[in-house]
């Protein structure tokens, strides 16, 4: 009698896949997006940030439509929440801006507290600055400024209100011989001494720049970063890509 081998046991039926409801999916996606947002905010605040040049104040060094990457790490970034303008947890800085370098900073004026601006550092703490007929003197020596642009054919007439504002800002730091007769203009001012933890900044396009001449010294705490390089440059009239500016380091 021929015997039959016992039949192999059947494998157990696979367990049914758990059914995920929409609440679980939303929670999972929300967690992933929140982590991505925190990482983006951290990198943007402390490492690198994209910045677009909106005005002609730094021509011809930086043009309207230049898109930059800004180094936030060197000067000590601060955690920033966009739109609401919330800032906290400033990181220790590794360097300070040097004269002639370009910096991105937060506006010092209450009317535009979260506006980011780009200018050139003309004076560091302790420097004595003066402008005579559009020539800048630092510590008694005229600056060689090949980047400076003067387009106005003749100086604009003095604005009494502007002169009064400039005088009020300058007088606490004025080191001239006759403070009682000091009447600064955007083309002639000083000598003034840059106070501690502050900088004097100006745009390269001197006739189109709203800078320290108008609102005074830049506090060190408002300095956010320095431009690394231009990653894209777009002209609008006519529309075109300025390929010759790609990866250019503004200096």
C-alpha atoms as a PDB file:
ATOM      1  CA  UNK A   1       0.000   0.000   0.000  1.00  0.00           C
ATOM      2  CA  UNK A   2       1.412   3.324  -1.162  1.00  0.00           C
ATOM      3  CA  UNK A   3       1.056   6.074   1.445  1.00  0.00           C
ATOM      4  CA  UNK A   4       0.508   9.750   0.617  1.00  0.00           C
ATOM      5  CA  UNK A   5       2.624  12.465   2.105  1.00  0.00           C
ATOM      6  CA  UNK A   6       0.664  14.712   4.386  1.00  0.00           C
ATOM      7  CA  UNK A   7      -0.460  17.937   2.736  1.00  0.00           C
ATOM      8  CA  UNK A   8       1.620  21.023   3.534  1.00  0.00           C
ATOM      9  CA  UNK A   9      -0.154  23.408   5.863  1.00  0.00           C
ATOM     10  CA  UNK A  10      -1.598  26.431   4.185  1.00  0.00           C
ATOM     11  CA  UNK A  11       0.101  29.741   5.019  1.00  0.00           C
ATOM     12  CA  UNK A  12      -1.995  32.019   7.146  1.00  0.00           C
ATOM     13  CA  UNK A  13      -3.973  34.623   5.262  1.00  0.00           C
ATOM     14  CA  UNK A  14      -2.282  38.027   5.243  1.00  0.00           C
ATOM     15  CA  UNK A  15      -3.604  40.424   7.773  1.00  0.00           C
ATOM     16  CA  UNK A  16      -5.673  43.189   6.216  1.00  0.00           C
ATOM     17  CA  UNK A  17      -3.800  46.460   5.803  1.00  0.00           C
ATOM     18  CA  UNK A  18      -4.771  48.969   8.412  1.00  0.00           C
ATOM     19  CA  UNK A  19      -7.132  51.555   7.072  1.00  0.00           C
ATOM     20  CA  UNK A  20      -5.783  55.097   7.473  1.00  0.00           C
ATOM     21  CA  UNK A  21      -8.395  57.746   7.797  1.00  0.00           C
ATOM     22  CA  UNK A  22      -7.983  61.306   6.467  1.00  0.00           C
ATOM     23  CA  UNK A  23      -7.145  62.653   9.913  1.00  0.00           C
ATOM     24  CA  UNK A  24      -4.026  60.499  10.083  1.00  0.00           C
ATOM     25  CA  UNK A  25      -2.944  61.619   6.607  1.00  0.00           C
ATOM     26  CA  UNK A  26      -3.426  65.292   7.438  1.00  0.00           C
ATOM     27  CA  UNK A  27      -1.478  64.911  10.677  1.00  0.00           C
ATOM     28  CA  UNK A  28       1.381  63.138   8.878  1.00  0.00           C
ATOM     29  CA  UNK A  29       1.594  65.782   6.133  1.00  0.00           C
ATOM     30  CA  UNK A  30       1.320  68.593   8.670  1.00  0.00           C
ATOM     31  CA  UNK A  31       4.214  67.201  10.698  1.00  0.00           C
ATOM     32  CA  UNK A  32       6.417  66.893   7.586  1.00  0.00           C
ATOM     33  CA  UNK A  33       5.611  70.422   6.450  1.00  0.00           C
ATOM     34  CA  UNK A  34       6.260  71.825   9.933  1.00  0.00           C
ATOM     35  CA  UNK A  35       9.706  70.182  10.066  1.00  0.00           C
ATOM     36  CA  UNK A  36      10.524  71.486   6.565  1.00  0.00           C
ATOM     37  CA  UNK A  37       9.390  74.991   7.562  1.00  0.00           C
ATOM     38  CA  UNK A  38      11.543  75.043  10.695  1.00  0.00           C
ATOM     39  CA  UNK A  39      14.590  73.868   8.708  1.00  0.00           C
ATOM     40  CA  UNK A  40      13.952  76.557   6.060  1.00  0.00           C
ATOM     41  CA  UNK A  41      13.582  79.274   8.710  1.00  0.00           C
ATOM     42  CA  UNK A  42      16.777  78.135  10.432  1.00  0.00           C
ATOM     43  CA  UNK A  43      18.812  78.169   7.200  1.00  0.00           C
ATOM     44  CA  UNK A  44      17.306  81.496   6.131  1.00  0.00           C
ATOM     45  CA  UNK A  45      18.013  83.095   9.513  1.00  0.00           C
ATOM     46  CA  UNK A  46      21.473  81.757  10.299  1.00  0.00           C
ATOM     47  CA  UNK A  47      23.151  80.443   7.133  1.00  0.00           C
ATOM     48  CA  UNK A  48      22.074  81.846   3.776  1.00  0.00           C
ATOM     49  CA  UNK A  49      19.206  83.899   2.365  1.00  0.00           C
ATOM     50  CA  UNK A  50      18.108  84.969  -1.095  1.00  0.00           C
ATOM     51  CA  UNK A  51      17.842  88.730  -1.630  1.00  0.00           C
ATOM     52  CA  UNK A  52      16.617  90.819  -4.571  1.00  0.00           C
ATOM     53  CA  UNK A  53      17.901  94.304  -5.408  1.00  0.00           C
ATOM     54  CA  UNK A  54      14.791  96.523  -5.633  1.00  0.00           C
ATOM     55  CA  UNK A  55      16.310  99.975  -6.250  1.00  0.00           C
ATOM     56  CA  UNK A  56      19.110 101.772  -8.091  1.00  0.00           C
ATOM     57  CA  UNK A  57      20.921 102.958  -4.944  1.00  0.00           C
ATOM     58  CA  UNK A  58      23.898 100.609  -5.455  1.00  0.00           C
ATOM     59  CA  UNK A  59      24.390 101.043  -9.198  1.00  0.00           C
ATOM     60  CA  UNK A  60      26.599 100.138 -10.937  1.00  0.00           C
ATOM     61  CA  UNK A  61      27.831  97.602  -8.395  1.00  0.00           C
ATOM     62  CA  UNK A  62      24.379  96.081  -7.971  1.00  0.00           C
ATOM     63  CA  UNK A  63      21.579  96.569 -10.477  1.00  0.00           C
ATOM     64  CA  UNK A  64      17.822  96.475 -10.111  1.00  0.00           C
ATOM     65  CA  UNK A  65      16.840  92.866 -10.764  1.00  0.00           C
ATOM     66  CA  UNK A  66      20.000  91.285  -9.338  1.00  0.00           C
ATOM     67  CA  UNK A  67      19.248  88.263  -7.154  1.00  0.00           C
ATOM     68  CA  UNK A  68      21.851  87.518  -4.480  1.00  0.00           C
ATOM     69  CA  UNK A  69      22.679  84.881  -1.955  1.00  0.00           C
ATOM     70  CA  UNK A  70      23.513  86.533   1.374  1.00  0.00           C
ATOM     71  CA  UNK A  71      25.851  84.994   3.942  1.00  0.00           C
ATOM     72  CA  UNK A  72      24.157  85.198   7.354  1.00  0.00           C
ATOM     73  CA  UNK A  73      26.651  83.078   9.289  1.00  0.00           C
ATOM     74  CA  UNK A  74      29.648  85.435   9.399  1.00  0.00           C
ATOM     75  CA  UNK A  75      27.944  88.410  11.039  1.00  0.00           C
ATOM     76  CA  UNK A  76      25.732  86.407  13.405  1.00  0.00           C
ATOM     77  CA  UNK A  77      22.198  85.723  12.237  1.00  0.00           C
ATOM     78  CA  UNK A  78      18.996  86.143  14.181  1.00  0.00           C
ATOM     79  CA  UNK A  79      16.017  83.801  14.009  1.00  0.00           C
ATOM     80  CA  UNK A  80      13.367  85.580  11.986  1.00  0.00           C
ATOM     81  CA  UNK A  81       9.720  84.804  11.301  1.00  0.00           C
ATOM     82  CA  UNK A  82       8.765  86.452   7.988  1.00  0.00           C
ATOM     83  CA  UNK A  83       5.698  88.674   7.561  1.00  0.00           C
ATOM     84  CA  UNK A  84       5.193  89.219  11.299  1.00  0.00           C
ATOM     85  CA  UNK A  85       8.790  90.435  11.684  1.00  0.00           C
ATOM     86  CA  UNK A  86       9.437  88.485  14.881  1.00  0.00           C
ATOM     87  CA  UNK A  87      13.180  88.213  15.653  1.00  0.00           C
ATOM     88  CA  UNK A  88      14.995  86.478  18.521  1.00  0.00           C
ATOM     89  CA  UNK A  89      17.936  84.191  19.394  1.00  0.00           C
ATOM     90  CA  UNK A  90      20.815  86.114  17.808  1.00  0.00           C
ATOM     91  CA  UNK A  91      23.821  83.899  17.068  1.00  0.00           C
ATOM     92  CA  UNK A  92      27.347  84.837  18.083  1.00  0.00           C
ATOM     93  CA  UNK A  93      29.144  86.626  15.238  1.00  0.00           C
ATOM     94  CA  UNK A  94      32.423  85.454  13.736  1.00  0.00           C
ATOM     95  CA  UNK A  95      33.359  88.740  12.032  1.00  0.00           C
ATOM     96  CA  UNK A  96      32.446  92.415  11.771  1.00  0.00           C
ATOM     97  CA  UNK A  97      31.948  94.487   8.626  1.00  0.00           C
ATOM     98  CA  UNK A  98      35.024  96.243   7.280  1.00  0.00           C
ATOM     99  CA  UNK A  99      35.166  99.630   5.527  1.00  0.00           C
ATOM    100  CA  UNK A 100      34.403  99.378   1.790  1.00  0.00           C
ATOM    101  CA  UNK A 101      32.528  96.083   2.245  1.00  0.00           C
ATOM    102  CA  UNK A 102      28.880  95.685   1.238  1.00  0.00           C
ATOM    103  CA  UNK A 103      26.322  94.710   3.884  1.00  0.00           C
ATOM    104  CA  UNK A 104      22.662  93.793   4.058  1.00  0.00           C
ATOM    105  CA  UNK A 105      20.935  95.248   7.093  1.00  0.00           C
ATOM    106  CA  UNK A 106      17.563  95.916   8.680  1.00  0.00           C
ATOM    107  CA  UNK A 107      16.158  99.429   8.401  1.00  0.00           C
ATOM    108  CA  UNK A 108      16.734 101.666  11.417  1.00  0.00           C
ATOM    109  CA  UNK A 109      13.573 103.693  10.847  1.00  0.00           C
ATOM    110  CA  UNK A 110      10.367 102.945  12.720  1.00  0.00           C
ATOM    111  CA  UNK A 111       8.284 103.373   9.555  1.00  0.00           C
ATOM    112  CA  UNK A 112      10.056 100.427   7.855  1.00  0.00           C
ATOM    113  CA  UNK A 113      11.330  98.217  10.714  1.00  0.00           C
ATOM    114  CA  UNK A 114      11.449  94.974   8.688  1.00  0.00           C
ATOM    115  CA  UNK A 115      12.820  96.367   5.439  1.00  0.00           C
ATOM    116  CA  UNK A 116      16.119  94.803   4.337  1.00  0.00           C
ATOM    117  CA  UNK A 117      18.561  97.232   2.699  1.00  0.00           C
ATOM    118  CA  UNK A 118      21.962  96.884   1.015  1.00  0.00           C
ATOM    119  CA  UNK A 119      24.676  99.586   1.195  1.00  0.00           C
ATOM    120  CA  UNK A 120      28.447  99.968   1.398  1.00  0.00           C
ATOM    121  CA  UNK A 121      30.287 100.496   4.692  1.00  0.00           C
ATOM    122  CA  UNK A 122      32.133 103.828   4.551  1.00  0.00           C
ATOM    123  CA  UNK A 123      33.126 104.150   8.203  1.00  0.00           C
ATOM    124  CA  UNK A 124      33.619 101.744  11.118  1.00  0.00           C
ATOM    125  CA  UNK A 125      33.577 102.559  14.855  1.00  0.00           C
ATOM    126  CA  UNK A 126      36.110 105.284  15.688  1.00  0.00           C
ATOM    127  CA  UNK A 127      36.544 106.546  12.115  1.00  0.00           C
ATOM    128  CA  UNK A 128      36.335 110.282  11.467  1.00  0.00           C
ATOM    129  CA  UNK A 129      34.325 110.964   8.306  1.00  0.00           C
ATOM    130  CA  UNK A 130      33.709 114.043   6.226  1.00  0.00           C
ATOM    131  CA  UNK A 131      32.349 114.796   2.762  1.00  0.00           C
ATOM    132  CA  UNK A 132      33.507 117.863   0.844  1.00  0.00           C
ATOM    133  CA  UNK A 133      31.867 118.493  -2.524  1.00  0.00           C
ATOM    134  CA  UNK A 134      30.986 114.776  -2.876  1.00  0.00           C
ATOM    135  CA  UNK A 135      34.495 113.584  -1.932  1.00  0.00           C
ATOM    136  CA  UNK A 136      34.558 111.397   1.187  1.00  0.00           C
ATOM    137  CA  UNK A 137      37.440 111.729   3.650  1.00  0.00           C
ATOM    138  CA  UNK A 138      38.127 108.991   6.207  1.00  0.00           C
ATOM    139  CA  UNK A 139      40.519 109.884   9.009  1.00  0.00           C
ATOM    140  CA  UNK A 140      41.720 112.864   7.007  1.00  0.00           C
ATOM    141  CA  UNK A 141      42.460 110.989   3.768  1.00  0.00           C
ATOM    142  CA  UNK A 142      40.303 111.174   0.614  1.00  0.00           C
ATOM    143  CA  UNK A 143      38.832 107.832  -0.397  1.00  0.00           C
ATOM    144  CA  UNK A 144      39.514 106.300  -3.771  1.00  0.00           C
ATOM    145  CA  UNK A 145      35.987 105.295  -4.745  1.00  0.00           C
ATOM    146  CA  UNK A 146      35.885 103.879  -8.281  1.00  0.00           C
ATOM    147  CA  UNK A 147      32.476 102.412  -7.443  1.00  0.00           C
ATOM    148  CA  UNK A 148      30.875 105.798  -6.629  1.00  0.00           C
ATOM    149  CA  UNK A 149      28.406 107.053  -9.207  1.00  0.00           C
ATOM    150  CA  UNK A 150      27.318 110.690  -9.571  1.00  0.00           C
ATOM    151  CA  UNK A 151      24.606 111.215 -12.169  1.00  0.00           C
ATOM    152  CA  UNK A 152      23.009 114.530 -11.196  1.00  0.00           C
ATOM    153  CA  UNK A 153      24.492 117.299 -13.409  1.00  0.00           C
ATOM    154  CA  UNK A 154      24.200 119.858 -10.598  1.00  0.00           C
ATOM    155  CA  UNK A 155      23.636 119.432  -6.846  1.00  0.00           C
ATOM    156  CA  UNK A 156      20.026 119.599  -5.790  1.00  0.00           C
ATOM    157  CA  UNK A 157      19.011 122.665  -3.740  1.00  0.00           C
ATOM    158  CA  UNK A 158      19.212 122.260   0.004  1.00  0.00           C
ATOM    159  CA  UNK A 159      16.051 121.223   1.813  1.00  0.00           C
ATOM    160  CA  UNK A 160      15.775 123.163   5.116  1.00  0.00           C
ATOM    161  CA  UNK A 161      13.903 120.331   6.833  1.00  0.00           C
ATOM    162  CA  UNK A 162      16.464 117.790   5.666  1.00  0.00           C
ATOM    163  CA  UNK A 163      19.335 120.007   6.782  1.00  0.00           C
ATOM    164  CA  UNK A 164      17.775 120.403  10.217  1.00  0.00           C
ATOM    165  CA  UNK A 165      17.310 116.641  10.563  1.00  0.00           C
ATOM    166  CA  UNK A 166      20.877 115.916   9.475  1.00  0.00           C
ATOM    167  CA  UNK A 167      22.227 118.553  11.857  1.00  0.00           C
ATOM    168  CA  UNK A 168      20.354 117.029  14.796  1.00  0.00           C
ATOM    169  CA  UNK A 169      21.708 113.562  13.968  1.00  0.00           C
ATOM    170  CA  UNK A 170      25.282 114.732  13.416  1.00  0.00           C
ATOM    171  CA  UNK A 171      25.848 117.220  16.240  1.00  0.00           C
ATOM    172  CA  UNK A 172      26.332 114.644  19.050  1.00  0.00           C
ATOM    173  CA  UNK A 173      29.196 113.180  16.990  1.00  0.00           C
ATOM    174  CA  UNK A 174      30.458 116.358  15.318  1.00  0.00           C
ATOM    175  CA  UNK A 175      34.130 117.204  15.889  1.00  0.00           C
ATOM    176  CA  UNK A 176      34.410 120.375  13.815  1.00  0.00           C
ATOM    177  CA  UNK A 177      35.504 123.747  15.165  1.00  0.00           C
ATOM    178  CA  UNK A 178      32.206 125.605  14.913  1.00  0.00           C
ATOM    179  CA  UNK A 179      29.200 123.409  15.782  1.00  0.00           C
ATOM    180  CA  UNK A 180      26.978 126.487  16.119  1.00  0.00           C
ATOM    181  CA  UNK A 181      27.289 127.207  12.380  1.00  0.00           C
ATOM    182  CA  UNK A 182      27.243 123.588  11.190  1.00  0.00           C
ATOM    183  CA  UNK A 183      24.750 123.151   8.325  1.00  0.00           C
ATOM    184  CA  UNK A 184      25.248 119.771   6.631  1.00  0.00           C
ATOM    185  CA  UNK A 185      23.915 118.801   3.199  1.00  0.00           C
ATOM    186  CA  UNK A 186      23.982 115.502   1.307  1.00  0.00           C
ATOM    187  CA  UNK A 187      27.078 116.743  -0.585  1.00  0.00           C
ATOM    188  CA  UNK A 188      28.950 118.432   2.293  1.00  0.00           C
ATOM    189  CA  UNK A 189      28.923 117.223   5.902  1.00  0.00           C
ATOM    190  CA  UNK A 190      31.158 116.370   8.822  1.00  0.00           C
ATOM    191  CA  UNK A 191      33.571 115.790  10.311  1.00  0.00           C
ATOM    192  CA  UNK A 192      31.778 113.275  12.499  1.00  0.00           C
ATOM    193  CA  UNK A 193      33.152 110.323  14.481  1.00  0.00           C
ATOM    194  CA  UNK A 194      31.433 106.954  14.120  1.00  0.00           C
ATOM    195  CA  UNK A 195      30.275 105.828  17.598  1.00  0.00           C
ATOM    196  CA  UNK A 196      30.969 102.360  19.082  1.00  0.00           C
ATOM    197  CA  UNK A 197      29.027  99.405  17.636  1.00  0.00           C
ATOM    198  CA  UNK A 198      27.885 101.527  14.687  1.00  0.00           C
ATOM    199  CA  UNK A 199      28.686 102.100  11.034  1.00  0.00           C
ATOM    200  CA  UNK A 200      28.261 104.790   8.414  1.00  0.00           C
ATOM    201  CA  UNK A 201      26.857 103.321   5.177  1.00  0.00           C
ATOM    202  CA  UNK A 202      26.183 104.850   1.778  1.00  0.00           C
ATOM    203  CA  UNK A 203      24.934 103.708  -1.609  1.00  0.00           C
ATOM    204  CA  UNK A 204      27.323 103.660  -4.536  1.00  0.00           C
ATOM    205  CA  UNK A 205      24.838 105.685  -6.595  1.00  0.00           C
ATOM    206  CA  UNK A 206      25.292 108.769  -4.457  1.00  0.00           C
ATOM    207  CA  UNK A 207      22.508 110.829  -6.074  1.00  0.00           C
ATOM    208  CA  UNK A 208      19.906 108.047  -5.703  1.00  0.00           C
ATOM    209  CA  UNK A 209      20.685 106.601  -2.296  1.00  0.00           C
ATOM    210  CA  UNK A 210      18.774 107.037   0.943  1.00  0.00           C
ATOM    211  CA  UNK A 211      21.538 106.230   3.418  1.00  0.00           C
ATOM    212  CA  UNK A 212      23.382 107.360   6.577  1.00  0.00           C
ATOM    213  CA  UNK A 213      23.441 110.929   5.313  1.00  0.00           C
ATOM    214  CA  UNK A 214      19.676 111.008   5.874  1.00  0.00           C
ATOM    215  CA  UNK A 215      19.035 108.753   8.875  1.00  0.00           C
ATOM    216  CA  UNK A 216      22.364 108.583  10.726  1.00  0.00           C
ATOM    217  CA  UNK A 217      24.508 105.710  11.943  1.00  0.00           C
ATOM    218  CA  UNK A 218      23.732 102.031  11.443  1.00  0.00           C
ATOM    219  CA  UNK A 219      23.739 100.016  14.717  1.00  0.00           C
ATOM    220  CA  UNK A 220      25.777  96.813  14.591  1.00  0.00           C
ATOM    221  CA  UNK A 221      22.725  94.878  15.775  1.00  0.00           C
ATOM    222  CA  UNK A 222      20.925  95.716  12.523  1.00  0.00           C
ATOM    223  CA  UNK A 223      23.617  94.190  10.282  1.00  0.00           C
ATOM    224  CA  UNK A 224      22.330  90.887   8.888  1.00  0.00           C
ATOM    225  CA  UNK A 225      24.805  89.590   6.331  1.00  0.00           C
ATOM    226  CA  UNK A 226      27.027  90.134   3.331  1.00  0.00           C
ATOM    227  CA  UNK A 227      26.394  89.331  -0.348  1.00  0.00           C
ATOM    228  CA  UNK A 228      28.032  86.150  -1.596  1.00  0.00           C
ATOM    229  CA  UNK A 229      27.294  86.204  -5.319  1.00  0.00           C
ATOM    230  CA  UNK A 230      24.639  87.039  -7.885  1.00  0.00           C
ATOM    231  CA  UNK A 231      22.795  83.876  -8.916  1.00  0.00           C
ATOM    232  CA  UNK A 232      20.386  85.563 -11.330  1.00  0.00           C
ATOM    233  CA  UNK A 233      20.086  88.998 -12.929  1.00  0.00           C
ATOM    234  CA  UNK A 234      16.957  90.073 -14.787  1.00  0.00           C
ATOM    235  CA  UNK A 235      16.456  93.350 -16.648  1.00  0.00           C
ATOM    236  CA  UNK A 236      12.873  94.498 -17.126  1.00  0.00           C
ATOM    237  CA  UNK A 237      13.024  97.091 -19.925  1.00  0.00           C
ATOM    238  CA  UNK A 238      13.337  95.215 -22.172  1.00  0.00           C
ATOM    239  CA  UNK A 239      13.017  91.894 -20.365  1.00  0.00           C
ATOM    240  CA  UNK A 240      16.206  89.877 -20.610  1.00  0.00           C
ATOM    241  CA  UNK A 241      18.572  87.749 -18.559  1.00  0.00           C
ATOM    242  CA  UNK A 242      21.910  89.445 -17.887  1.00  0.00           C
ATOM    243  CA  UNK A 243      24.068  86.357 -18.266  1.00  0.00           C
ATOM    244  CA  UNK A 244      27.312  88.304 -17.778  1.00  0.00           C
ATOM    245  CA  UNK A 245      26.364  88.943 -14.137  1.00  0.00           C
ATOM    246  CA  UNK A 246      25.792  85.290 -13.196  1.00  0.00           C
ATOM    247  CA  UNK A 247      27.910  84.184 -10.187  1.00  0.00           C
ATOM    248  CA  UNK A 248      29.524  87.616  -9.930  1.00  0.00           C
ATOM    249  CA  UNK A 249      30.696  88.653  -6.461  1.00  0.00           C
ATOM    250  CA  UNK A 250      29.722  92.278  -5.747  1.00  0.00           C
ATOM    251  CA  UNK A 251      32.631  94.267  -4.359  1.00  0.00           C
END
